[in-house]
Amino acid sequence: RWESTGDRVRYSGFLEHRATLWANAEREIFSLVTGARVDVDSQFGSQLSPKLALRWDPEQHWTFRAGYGRGFRAPSFQELLLRFENPAVGYVVSGNPGLTAESSHSVDLSAEYRPSRHWCGATAAVRNDLTDMISTVTVNQPGVPGLLFSYENIDRARTQGLETMGIWSPSQLLALTLSYTLTETRNEALDRPLQGRPLHRFLFRVVSTHEPTGITASARGSLSLDRYYFVDSADGSTSQVTGDPLVQIDLRLAKSFTKNFELFVGVNNLADAGDAFAVLLPRQFYAGLRGNY
């Protein structure tokens, strides 16, 4: 889609410093991390992004964290120039060469509780305020069958929510992770939710490793609820559509012959989830060998 030769140069660098403000003979009690990152993009300009993070461990079972950071993200090559059609499901994804870079301010607070080495629980609250946010949108385009997805900048947007997670690992043979995320989003320019972001999302992950045989089996899955989409009609009006519940399941089985060699098989999207709004690959089987030296 690019009619002539082009080039783009991106540079980035960061500095970070971690300081222990209070400690005893057993552990650090209060620590501080400061840092800054600079991004320079020949096409989308530059930004300095500072960050500040605090960690407090009042006793061995509890950890509290607080942080602030500024972010910068230039559009990717795919978001600018991608052209992808999936006629089996009925959608087209087209890039937008007119995108600009997004920037953000983020704040997070979290608490973690570890009553034993077999249990861990955590909860976090996050708030992100974004300017020129790069977001997926549906576009009405005559002559294009099905839905056309593209990318646009949203002048002002926010995402905020809560996440809770629990991990149970009674032995190396079993590790179970459960989590729930509540995410409230807003396109502040249009006063409506951000498209495609689920309000509720449940996740699980199970991993079982049998050390004597070197076999590891894993399963992960998610349930996404209340996904909102906004479709432009031919008469210029916009209608809101709520996506169906989305269930995604991935399975993987691996056999290690040595610490440097592994054989694996698996399937992604076992439930063949996806609809005209959820841009997902269909059920996919894979197998492979992995080694390192």
C-alpha atoms as a PDB file:
ATOM      1  CA  ARG A   1       0.000   0.000   0.000  1.00  0.00           C
ATOM      2  CA  TRP A   2       3.035   2.253   0.223  1.00  0.00           C
ATOM      3  CA  GLU A   3       3.501   3.800  -3.218  1.00  0.00           C
ATOM      4  CA  SER A   4       7.151   4.808  -2.799  1.00  0.00           C
ATOM      5  CA  THR A   5      10.182   3.876  -0.730  1.00  0.00           C
ATOM      6  CA  GLY A   6       9.991   5.151   2.823  1.00  0.00           C
ATOM      7  CA  ASP A   7      11.994   5.003   6.022  1.00  0.00           C
ATOM      8  CA  ARG A   8      11.330   5.549   9.681  1.00  0.00           C
ATOM      9  CA  VAL A   9      13.828   5.774  12.533  1.00  0.00           C
ATOM     10  CA  ARG A  10      13.031   5.244  16.214  1.00  0.00           C
ATOM     11  CA  TYR A  11      15.357   5.792  19.156  1.00  0.00           C
ATOM     12  CA  SER A  12      14.693   5.268  22.836  1.00  0.00           C
ATOM     13  CA  GLY A  13      16.670   5.197  26.044  1.00  0.00           C
ATOM     14  CA  PHE A  14      15.907   5.019  29.739  1.00  0.00           C
ATOM     15  CA  LEU A  15      17.489   5.467  33.133  1.00  0.00           C
ATOM     16  CA  GLU A  16      16.248   3.884  36.352  1.00  0.00           C
ATOM     17  CA  HIS A  17      17.388   4.057  39.945  1.00  0.00           C
ATOM     18  CA  ARG A  18      16.238   1.870  42.827  1.00  0.00           C
ATOM     19  CA  ALA A  19      16.828   3.020  46.393  1.00  0.00           C
ATOM     20  CA  THR A  20      16.212   1.246  49.711  1.00  0.00           C
ATOM     21  CA  LEU A  21      14.785   3.801  52.130  1.00  0.00           C
ATOM     22  CA  TRP A  22      14.192   1.503  55.100  1.00  0.00           C
ATOM     23  CA  ALA A  23      15.323  -2.027  55.868  1.00  0.00           C
ATOM     24  CA  ASN A  24      16.045  -4.365  58.747  1.00  0.00           C
ATOM     25  CA  ALA A  25      18.200  -7.468  59.067  1.00  0.00           C
ATOM     26  CA  GLU A  26      15.568  -9.664  57.357  1.00  0.00           C
ATOM     27  CA  ARG A  27      14.267  -7.658  54.404  1.00  0.00           C
ATOM     28  CA  GLU A  28      13.681  -4.329  52.745  1.00  0.00           C
ATOM     29  CA  ILE A  29      10.682  -2.539  54.222  1.00  0.00           C
ATOM     30  CA  PHE A  30      10.386   0.568  52.044  1.00  0.00           C
ATOM     31  CA  SER A  31      11.925   1.114  48.602  1.00  0.00           C
ATOM     32  CA  LEU A  32      11.653   3.707  45.860  1.00  0.00           C
ATOM     33  CA  VAL A  33      12.167   3.428  42.096  1.00  0.00           C
ATOM     34  CA  THR A  34      12.557   6.528  39.930  1.00  0.00           C
ATOM     35  CA  GLY A  35      13.189   6.595  36.217  1.00  0.00           C
ATOM     36  CA  ALA A  36      12.653   8.282  32.899  1.00  0.00           C
ATOM     37  CA  ARG A  37      12.463   7.165  29.284  1.00  0.00           C
ATOM     38  CA  VAL A  38      12.890   9.260  26.155  1.00  0.00           C
ATOM     39  CA  ASP A  39      11.382   8.221  22.810  1.00  0.00           C
ATOM     40  CA  VAL A  40      12.342   9.863  19.520  1.00  0.00           C
ATOM     41  CA  ASP A  41      10.438   8.876  16.384  1.00  0.00           C
ATOM     42  CA  SER A  42      11.345  10.473  13.055  1.00  0.00           C
ATOM     43  CA  GLN A  43       7.711  10.365  11.971  1.00  0.00           C
ATOM     44  CA  PHE A  44       5.822  11.023  15.217  1.00  0.00           C
ATOM     45  CA  GLY A  45       8.038  13.261  17.334  1.00  0.00           C
ATOM     46  CA  SER A  46       9.456  12.706  20.819  1.00  0.00           C
ATOM     47  CA  GLN A  47       8.441  12.567  24.469  1.00  0.00           C
ATOM     48  CA  LEU A  48      10.070  12.295  27.873  1.00  0.00           C
ATOM     49  CA  SER A  49       8.210   9.831  30.135  1.00  0.00           C
ATOM     50  CA  PRO A  50       9.058   9.855  33.858  1.00  0.00           C
ATOM     51  CA  LYS A  51       7.956   7.250  36.393  1.00  0.00           C
ATOM     52  CA  LEU A  52       7.844   6.885  40.166  1.00  0.00           C
ATOM     53  CA  ALA A  53       7.105   3.706  42.123  1.00  0.00           C
ATOM     54  CA  LEU A  54       6.952   2.905  45.837  1.00  0.00           C
ATOM     55  CA  ARG A  55       6.976  -0.485  47.568  1.00  0.00           C
ATOM     56  CA  TRP A  56       6.173  -1.123  51.231  1.00  0.00           C
ATOM     57  CA  ASP A  57       6.581  -4.512  52.954  1.00  0.00           C
ATOM     58  CA  PRO A  58       5.299  -3.975  56.509  1.00  0.00           C
ATOM     59  CA  GLU A  59       5.777  -7.691  57.277  1.00  0.00           C
ATOM     60  CA  GLN A  60       6.745 -10.807  55.375  1.00  0.00           C
ATOM     61  CA  HIS A  61       3.231 -11.722  54.186  1.00  0.00           C
ATOM     62  CA  TRP A  62       2.158  -8.329  52.821  1.00  0.00           C
ATOM     63  CA  THR A  63       3.384  -6.085  50.002  1.00  0.00           C
ATOM     64  CA  PHE A  64       1.872  -2.741  48.969  1.00  0.00           C
ATOM     65  CA  ARG A  65       2.788  -0.847  45.806  1.00  0.00           C
ATOM     66  CA  ALA A  66       1.956   2.547  44.314  1.00  0.00           C
ATOM     67  CA  GLY A  67       3.142   3.995  41.049  1.00  0.00           C
ATOM     68  CA  TYR A  68       2.810   6.774  38.507  1.00  0.00           C
ATOM     69  CA  GLY A  69       4.097   6.838  34.965  1.00  0.00           C
ATOM     70  CA  ARG A  70       3.756   8.696  31.724  1.00  0.00           C
ATOM     71  CA  GLY A  71       3.581   6.737  28.469  1.00  0.00           C
ATOM     72  CA  PHE A  72       4.173   7.277  24.760  1.00  0.00           C
ATOM     73  CA  ARG A  73       3.221   4.962  21.890  1.00  0.00           C
ATOM     74  CA  ALA A  74       3.705   5.654  18.212  1.00  0.00           C
ATOM     75  CA  PRO A  75       1.493   3.781  15.719  1.00  0.00           C
ATOM     76  CA  SER A  76       2.855   0.428  14.588  1.00  0.00           C
ATOM     77  CA  PHE A  77       3.516  -0.466  10.959  1.00  0.00           C
ATOM     78  CA  GLN A  78       0.391  -2.667  10.973  1.00  0.00           C
ATOM     79  CA  GLU A  79      -1.846   0.072  12.400  1.00  0.00           C
ATOM     80  CA  LEU A  80      -0.691   2.410   9.653  1.00  0.00           C
ATOM     81  CA  LEU A  81      -0.640   0.150   6.590  1.00  0.00           C
ATOM     82  CA  LEU A  82      -2.189  -3.272   7.284  1.00  0.00           C
ATOM     83  CA  ARG A  83      -4.730  -4.654   4.804  1.00  0.00           C
ATOM     84  CA  PHE A  84      -6.209  -7.985   5.912  1.00  0.00           C
ATOM     85  CA  GLU A  85      -9.404  -9.728   4.776  1.00  0.00           C
ATOM     86  CA  ASN A  86     -11.156 -12.660   6.459  1.00  0.00           C
ATOM     87  CA  PRO A  87     -14.070 -13.542   4.142  1.00  0.00           C
ATOM     88  CA  ALA A  88     -14.900 -16.724   6.098  1.00  0.00           C
ATOM     89  CA  VAL A  89     -16.000 -14.628   9.092  1.00  0.00           C
ATOM     90  CA  GLY A  90     -16.872 -11.484   7.173  1.00  0.00           C
ATOM     91  CA  TYR A  91     -14.543  -8.648   8.136  1.00  0.00           C
ATOM     92  CA  VAL A  92     -11.708  -6.540   6.746  1.00  0.00           C
ATOM     93  CA  VAL A  93      -8.953  -4.803   8.741  1.00  0.00           C
ATOM     94  CA  SER A  94      -7.420  -1.740   7.139  1.00  0.00           C
ATOM     95  CA  GLY A  95      -4.680   0.487   8.504  1.00  0.00           C
ATOM     96  CA  ASN A  96      -4.881   4.262   8.803  1.00  0.00           C
ATOM     97  CA  PRO A  97      -1.825   6.204   7.536  1.00  0.00           C
ATOM     98  CA  GLY A  98      -3.165   9.360   9.200  1.00  0.00           C
ATOM     99  CA  LEU A  99      -2.670   8.168  12.793  1.00  0.00           C
ATOM    100  CA  THR A 100      -0.677  10.169  15.339  1.00  0.00           C
ATOM    101  CA  ALA A 101       1.132   9.002  18.480  1.00  0.00           C
ATOM    102  CA  GLU A 102      -0.728   8.517  21.760  1.00  0.00           C
ATOM    103  CA  SER A 103       0.403   9.571  25.212  1.00  0.00           C
ATOM    104  CA  SER A 104      -0.885   8.663  28.651  1.00  0.00           C
ATOM    105  CA  HIS A 105      -0.713   9.257  32.391  1.00  0.00           C
ATOM    106  CA  SER A 106      -1.155   6.167  34.586  1.00  0.00           C
ATOM    107  CA  VAL A 107      -1.606   5.598  38.307  1.00  0.00           C
ATOM    108  CA  ASP A 108      -1.819   2.220  40.044  1.00  0.00           C
ATOM    109  CA  LEU A 109      -2.221   0.920  43.602  1.00  0.00           C
ATOM    110  CA  SER A 110      -1.891  -2.749  44.572  1.00  0.00           C
ATOM    111  CA  ALA A 111      -1.735  -5.075  47.564  1.00  0.00           C
ATOM    112  CA  GLU A 112      -0.373  -8.626  47.690  1.00  0.00           C
ATOM    113  CA  TYR A 113      -0.829 -11.230  50.400  1.00  0.00           C
ATOM    114  CA  ARG A 114       1.276 -14.409  50.667  1.00  0.00           C
ATOM    115  CA  PRO A 115       0.177 -16.493  53.691  1.00  0.00           C
ATOM    116  CA  SER A 116       2.456 -19.364  52.603  1.00  0.00           C
ATOM    117  CA  ARG A 117       4.595 -20.418  49.672  1.00  0.00           C
ATOM    118  CA  HIS A 118       1.577 -22.308  48.291  1.00  0.00           C
ATOM    119  CA  TRP A 119      -0.874 -19.398  48.255  1.00  0.00           C
ATOM    120  CA  CYS A 120      -0.821 -15.867  46.914  1.00  0.00           C
ATOM    121  CA  GLY A 121      -3.541 -13.280  46.435  1.00  0.00           C
ATOM    122  CA  ALA A 122      -3.377  -9.797  44.946  1.00  0.00           C
ATOM    123  CA  THR A 123      -5.641  -6.918  44.051  1.00  0.00           C
ATOM    124  CA  ALA A 124      -4.901  -3.761  42.081  1.00  0.00           C
ATOM    125  CA  ALA A 125      -6.608  -0.539  41.048  1.00  0.00           C
ATOM    126  CA  VAL A 126      -5.485   1.222  37.867  1.00  0.00           C
ATOM    127  CA  ARG A 127      -6.349   4.498  36.148  1.00  0.00           C
ATOM    128  CA  ASN A 128      -5.100   5.568  32.698  1.00  0.00           C
ATOM    129  CA  ASP A 129      -5.819   8.926  31.055  1.00  0.00           C
ATOM    130  CA  LEU A 130      -4.933   8.961  27.373  1.00  0.00           C
ATOM    131  CA  THR A 131      -4.534  11.636  24.718  1.00  0.00           C
ATOM    132  CA  ASP A 132      -4.863  10.728  21.022  1.00  0.00           C
ATOM    133  CA  MET A 133      -5.465   7.103  22.012  1.00  0.00           C
ATOM    134  CA  ILE A 134      -5.068   4.649  19.108  1.00  0.00           C
ATOM    135  CA  SER A 135      -8.269   2.604  19.062  1.00  0.00           C
ATOM    136  CA  THR A 136      -9.983   0.063  16.813  1.00  0.00           C
ATOM    137  CA  VAL A 137     -13.172   1.351  15.173  1.00  0.00           C
ATOM    138  CA  THR A 138     -15.783   0.010  12.750  1.00  0.00           C
ATOM    139  CA  VAL A 139     -16.209   1.959   9.529  1.00  0.00           C
ATOM    140  CA  ASN A 140     -19.085   1.956   7.063  1.00  0.00           C
ATOM    141  CA  GLN A 141     -17.591   1.755   3.576  1.00  0.00           C
ATOM    142  CA  PRO A 142     -19.765   1.164   0.515  1.00  0.00           C
ATOM    143  CA  GLY A 143     -18.659  -1.781  -1.596  1.00  0.00           C
ATOM    144  CA  VAL A 144     -16.902  -3.574   1.294  1.00  0.00           C
ATOM    145  CA  PRO A 145     -18.830  -6.702   2.382  1.00  0.00           C
ATOM    146  CA  GLY A 146     -19.181  -7.318   6.106  1.00  0.00           C
ATOM    147  CA  LEU A 147     -17.526  -5.102   8.698  1.00  0.00           C
ATOM    148  CA  LEU A 148     -14.519  -2.899   8.041  1.00  0.00           C
ATOM    149  CA  PHE A 149     -12.226  -2.371  11.032  1.00  0.00           C
ATOM    150  CA  SER A 150      -9.696   0.418  11.078  1.00  0.00           C
ATOM    151  CA  TYR A 151      -7.798   2.572  13.578  1.00  0.00           C
ATOM    152  CA  GLU A 152      -8.448   6.108  14.739  1.00  0.00           C
ATOM    153  CA  ASN A 153      -7.098   8.522  17.324  1.00  0.00           C
ATOM    154  CA  ILE A 154      -9.447   9.352  20.191  1.00  0.00           C
ATOM    155  CA  ASP A 155      -8.802  12.880  21.458  1.00  0.00           C
ATOM    156  CA  ARG A 156      -9.354  12.020  25.127  1.00  0.00           C
ATOM    157  CA  ALA A 157     -10.034   8.631  26.697  1.00  0.00           C
ATOM    158  CA  ARG A 158      -9.725   6.854  30.011  1.00  0.00           C
ATOM    159  CA  THR A 159      -9.570   3.313  31.318  1.00  0.00           C
ATOM    160  CA  GLN A 160      -9.871   2.417  34.969  1.00  0.00           C
ATOM    161  CA  GLY A 161     -10.656  -0.676  36.946  1.00  0.00           C
ATOM    162  CA  LEU A 162      -9.885  -3.344  39.481  1.00  0.00           C
ATOM    163  CA  GLU A 163      -8.118  -6.666  39.112  1.00  0.00           C
ATOM    164  CA  THR A 164      -8.017  -9.524  41.610  1.00  0.00           C
ATOM    165  CA  MET A 165      -5.889 -12.627  41.291  1.00  0.00           C
ATOM    166  CA  GLY A 166      -5.280 -15.792  43.296  1.00  0.00           C
ATOM    167  CA  ILE A 167      -2.550 -18.413  42.850  1.00  0.00           C
ATOM    168  CA  TRP A 168      -2.573 -21.858  44.438  1.00  0.00           C
ATOM    169  CA  SER A 169       0.469 -24.071  43.999  1.00  0.00           C
ATOM    170  CA  PRO A 170       0.411 -27.008  46.446  1.00  0.00           C
ATOM    171  CA  SER A 171       3.303 -28.712  44.643  1.00  0.00           C
ATOM    172  CA  GLN A 172       5.291 -28.631  41.439  1.00  0.00           C
ATOM    173  CA  LEU A 173       2.701 -30.991  40.013  1.00  0.00           C
ATOM    174  CA  LEU A 174      -0.012 -28.329  40.061  1.00  0.00           C
ATOM    175  CA  ALA A 175      -0.278 -24.540  39.821  1.00  0.00           C
ATOM    176  CA  LEU A 176      -3.668 -22.837  39.454  1.00  0.00           C
ATOM    177  CA  THR A 177      -4.218 -19.143  38.721  1.00  0.00           C
ATOM    178  CA  LEU A 178      -7.620 -17.430  38.762  1.00  0.00           C
ATOM    179  CA  SER A 179      -8.262 -13.761  38.095  1.00  0.00           C
ATOM    180  CA  TYR A 180     -11.067 -11.305  37.451  1.00  0.00           C
ATOM    181  CA  THR A 181     -10.766  -7.860  35.871  1.00  0.00           C
ATOM    182  CA  LEU A 182     -13.357  -5.091  35.921  1.00  0.00           C
ATOM    183  CA  THR A 183     -12.492  -2.404  33.358  1.00  0.00           C
ATOM    184  CA  GLU A 184     -14.540   0.762  32.883  1.00  0.00           C
ATOM    185  CA  THR A 185     -13.610   2.688  29.745  1.00  0.00           C
ATOM    186  CA  ARG A 186     -14.711   5.970  28.256  1.00  0.00           C
ATOM    187  CA  ASN A 187     -14.292   7.825  25.005  1.00  0.00           C
ATOM    188  CA  GLU A 188     -14.613  11.242  26.607  1.00  0.00           C
ATOM    189  CA  ALA A 189     -14.934  13.048  23.286  1.00  0.00           C
ATOM    190  CA  LEU A 190     -18.053  11.024  22.338  1.00  0.00           C
ATOM    191  CA  ASP A 191     -19.187  10.163  25.901  1.00  0.00           C
ATOM    192  CA  ARG A 192     -19.440   6.413  25.317  1.00  0.00           C
ATOM    193  CA  PRO A 193     -17.441   3.262  26.178  1.00  0.00           C
ATOM    194  CA  LEU A 194     -14.350   2.355  24.201  1.00  0.00           C
ATOM    195  CA  GLN A 195     -15.092  -0.150  21.487  1.00  0.00           C
ATOM    196  CA  GLY A 196     -14.311  -3.829  22.062  1.00  0.00           C
ATOM    197  CA  ARG A 197     -13.024  -3.524  25.640  1.00  0.00           C
ATOM    198  CA  PRO A 198     -14.841  -6.077  27.863  1.00  0.00           C
ATOM    199  CA  LEU A 199     -16.292  -4.709  31.083  1.00  0.00           C
ATOM    200  CA  HIS A 200     -15.812  -8.082  32.815  1.00  0.00           C
ATOM    201  CA  ARG A 201     -13.072 -10.614  32.121  1.00  0.00           C
ATOM    202  CA  PHE A 202     -12.439 -13.891  33.938  1.00  0.00           C
ATOM    203  CA  LEU A 203      -9.238 -15.855  33.401  1.00  0.00           C
ATOM    204  CA  PHE A 204      -7.819 -19.175  34.549  1.00  0.00           C
ATOM    205  CA  ARG A 205      -4.532 -20.981  34.005  1.00  0.00           C
ATOM    206  CA  VAL A 206      -3.569 -24.493  35.088  1.00  0.00           C
ATOM    207  CA  VAL A 207      -0.036 -25.861  34.784  1.00  0.00           C
ATOM    208  CA  SER A 208       1.039 -29.383  35.759  1.00  0.00           C
ATOM    209  CA  THR A 209       4.679 -30.475  35.616  1.00  0.00           C
ATOM    210  CA  HIS A 210       5.854 -34.041  36.213  1.00  0.00           C
ATOM    211  CA  GLU A 211       9.544 -33.702  36.949  1.00  0.00           C
ATOM    212  CA  PRO A 212      10.590 -37.384  36.500  1.00  0.00           C
ATOM    213  CA  THR A 213       9.185 -37.607  32.954  1.00  0.00           C
ATOM    214  CA  GLY A 214       9.745 -33.977  31.933  1.00  0.00           C
ATOM    215  CA  ILE A 215       6.123 -33.602  30.832  1.00  0.00           C
ATOM    216  CA  THR A 216       4.307 -30.282  31.289  1.00  0.00           C
ATOM    217  CA  ALA A 217       0.628 -29.786  30.497  1.00  0.00           C
ATOM    218  CA  SER A 218      -1.047 -26.398  30.604  1.00  0.00           C
ATOM    219  CA  ALA A 219      -4.473 -24.943  29.932  1.00  0.00           C
ATOM    220  CA  ARG A 220      -5.570 -21.349  29.951  1.00  0.00           C
ATOM    221  CA  GLY A 221      -8.892 -19.749  29.236  1.00  0.00           C
ATOM    222  CA  SER A 222     -10.841 -16.527  29.463  1.00  0.00           C
ATOM    223  CA  LEU A 223     -14.436 -15.347  29.453  1.00  0.00           C
ATOM    224  CA  SER A 224     -15.099 -11.791  28.228  1.00  0.00           C
ATOM    225  CA  LEU A 225     -18.465 -10.122  28.852  1.00  0.00           C
ATOM    226  CA  ASP A 226     -20.075  -6.831  27.847  1.00  0.00           C
ATOM    227  CA  ARG A 227     -18.064  -5.853  24.777  1.00  0.00           C
ATOM    228  CA  TYR A 228     -19.545  -2.780  23.089  1.00  0.00           C
ATOM    229  CA  TYR A 229     -19.240  -1.869  19.403  1.00  0.00           C
ATOM    230  CA  PHE A 230     -20.509   1.107  17.429  1.00  0.00           C
ATOM    231  CA  VAL A 231     -21.521   0.556  13.815  1.00  0.00           C
ATOM    232  CA  ASP A 232     -22.126   3.370  11.325  1.00  0.00           C
ATOM    233  CA  SER A 233     -25.208   2.970   9.138  1.00  0.00           C
ATOM    234  CA  ALA A 234     -25.664   4.137   5.565  1.00  0.00           C
ATOM    235  CA  ASP A 235     -27.928   6.988   6.751  1.00  0.00           C
ATOM    236  CA  GLY A 236     -25.158   8.377   8.929  1.00  0.00           C
ATOM    237  CA  SER A 237     -26.510   7.160  12.262  1.00  0.00           C
ATOM    238  CA  THR A 238     -24.511   5.036  14.719  1.00  0.00           C
ATOM    239  CA  SER A 239     -25.915   2.026  16.535  1.00  0.00           C
ATOM    240  CA  GLN A 240     -24.479   0.300  19.618  1.00  0.00           C
ATOM    241  CA  VAL A 241     -24.063  -3.484  19.480  1.00  0.00           C
ATOM    242  CA  THR A 242     -23.133  -5.709  22.448  1.00  0.00           C
ATOM    243  CA  GLY A 243     -20.921  -8.635  21.530  1.00  0.00           C
ATOM    244  CA  ASP A 244     -21.808 -12.140  22.677  1.00  0.00           C
ATOM    245  CA  PRO A 245     -19.864 -13.714  25.579  1.00  0.00           C
ATOM    246  CA  LEU A 246     -16.429 -14.670  24.281  1.00  0.00           C
ATOM    247  CA  VAL A 247     -14.772 -17.885  25.525  1.00  0.00           C
ATOM    248  CA  GLN A 248     -11.144 -18.549  24.586  1.00  0.00           C
ATOM    249  CA  ILE A 249      -9.302 -21.764  25.553  1.00  0.00           C
ATOM    250  CA  ASP A 250      -5.695 -22.742  24.754  1.00  0.00           C
ATOM    251  CA  LEU A 251      -4.057 -26.117  25.522  1.00  0.00           C
ATOM    252  CA  ARG A 252      -0.377 -27.108  25.372  1.00  0.00           C
ATOM    253  CA  LEU A 253       1.558 -30.333  26.098  1.00  0.00           C
ATOM    254  CA  ALA A 254       5.363 -30.408  26.180  1.00  0.00           C
ATOM    255  CA  LYS A 255       8.020 -33.049  26.757  1.00  0.00           C
ATOM    256  CA  SER A 256      11.546 -32.042  27.813  1.00  0.00           C
ATOM    257  CA  PHE A 257      14.271 -34.512  26.882  1.00  0.00           C
ATOM    258  CA  THR A 258      17.074 -32.384  28.324  1.00  0.00           C
ATOM    259  CA  LYS A 259      17.124 -28.905  29.792  1.00  0.00           C
ATOM    260  CA  ASN A 260      17.950 -27.633  26.286  1.00  0.00           C
ATOM    261  CA  PHE A 261      15.522 -29.628  24.118  1.00  0.00           C
ATOM    262  CA  GLU A 262      11.715 -29.724  24.100  1.00  0.00           C
ATOM    263  CA  LEU A 263       8.975 -31.247  21.942  1.00  0.00           C
ATOM    264  CA  PHE A 264       5.516 -29.643  22.145  1.00  0.00           C
ATOM    265  CA  VAL A 265       2.016 -29.766  20.672  1.00  0.00           C
ATOM    266  CA  GLY A 266      -1.032 -27.628  21.323  1.00  0.00           C
ATOM    267  CA  VAL A 267      -4.200 -25.960  20.159  1.00  0.00           C
ATOM    268  CA  ASN A 268      -5.154 -22.292  20.336  1.00  0.00           C
ATOM    269  CA  ASN A 269      -8.761 -21.096  20.460  1.00  0.00           C
ATOM    270  CA  LEU A 270     -10.112 -24.583  21.145  1.00  0.00           C
ATOM    271  CA  ALA A 271     -13.699 -23.303  21.347  1.00  0.00           C
ATOM    272  CA  ASP A 272     -13.289 -21.604  17.931  1.00  0.00           C
ATOM    273  CA  ALA A 273     -14.387 -18.330  19.496  1.00  0.00           C
ATOM    274  CA  GLY A 274     -14.929 -15.284  17.358  1.00  0.00           C
ATOM    275  CA  ASP A 275     -17.595 -13.361  15.536  1.00  0.00           C
ATOM    276  CA  ALA A 276     -17.819 -10.442  13.159  1.00  0.00           C
ATOM    277  CA  PHE A 277     -16.675  -8.121  15.965  1.00  0.00           C
ATOM    278  CA  ALA A 278     -13.938 -10.199  17.616  1.00  0.00           C
ATOM    279  CA  VAL A 279     -10.957 -10.223  15.262  1.00  0.00           C
ATOM    280  CA  LEU A 280      -9.534 -13.617  16.283  1.00  0.00           C
ATOM    281  CA  LEU A 281      -7.760 -16.421  14.468  1.00  0.00           C
ATOM    282  CA  PRO A 282      -9.892 -19.590  14.200  1.00  0.00           C
ATOM    283  CA  ARG A 283      -8.996 -22.850  15.962  1.00  0.00           C
ATOM    284  CA  GLN A 284      -5.311 -23.539  15.326  1.00  0.00           C
ATOM    285  CA  PHE A 285      -3.268 -26.705  15.953  1.00  0.00           C
ATOM    286  CA  TYR A 286       0.497 -26.553  16.174  1.00  0.00           C
ATOM    287  CA  ALA A 287       3.532 -28.691  16.984  1.00  0.00           C
ATOM    288  CA  GLY A 288       7.225 -28.000  17.184  1.00  0.00           C
ATOM    289  CA  LEU A 289      10.702 -28.561  18.545  1.00  0.00           C
ATOM    290  CA  ARG A 290      12.625 -26.069  20.585  1.00  0.00           C
ATOM    291  CA  GLY A 291      16.284 -26.180  21.517  1.00  0.00           C
ATOM    292  CA  ASN A 292      19.019 -23.889  22.735  1.00  0.00           C
ATOM    293  CA  TYR A 293      22.747 -24.137  23.258  1.00  0.00           C
END
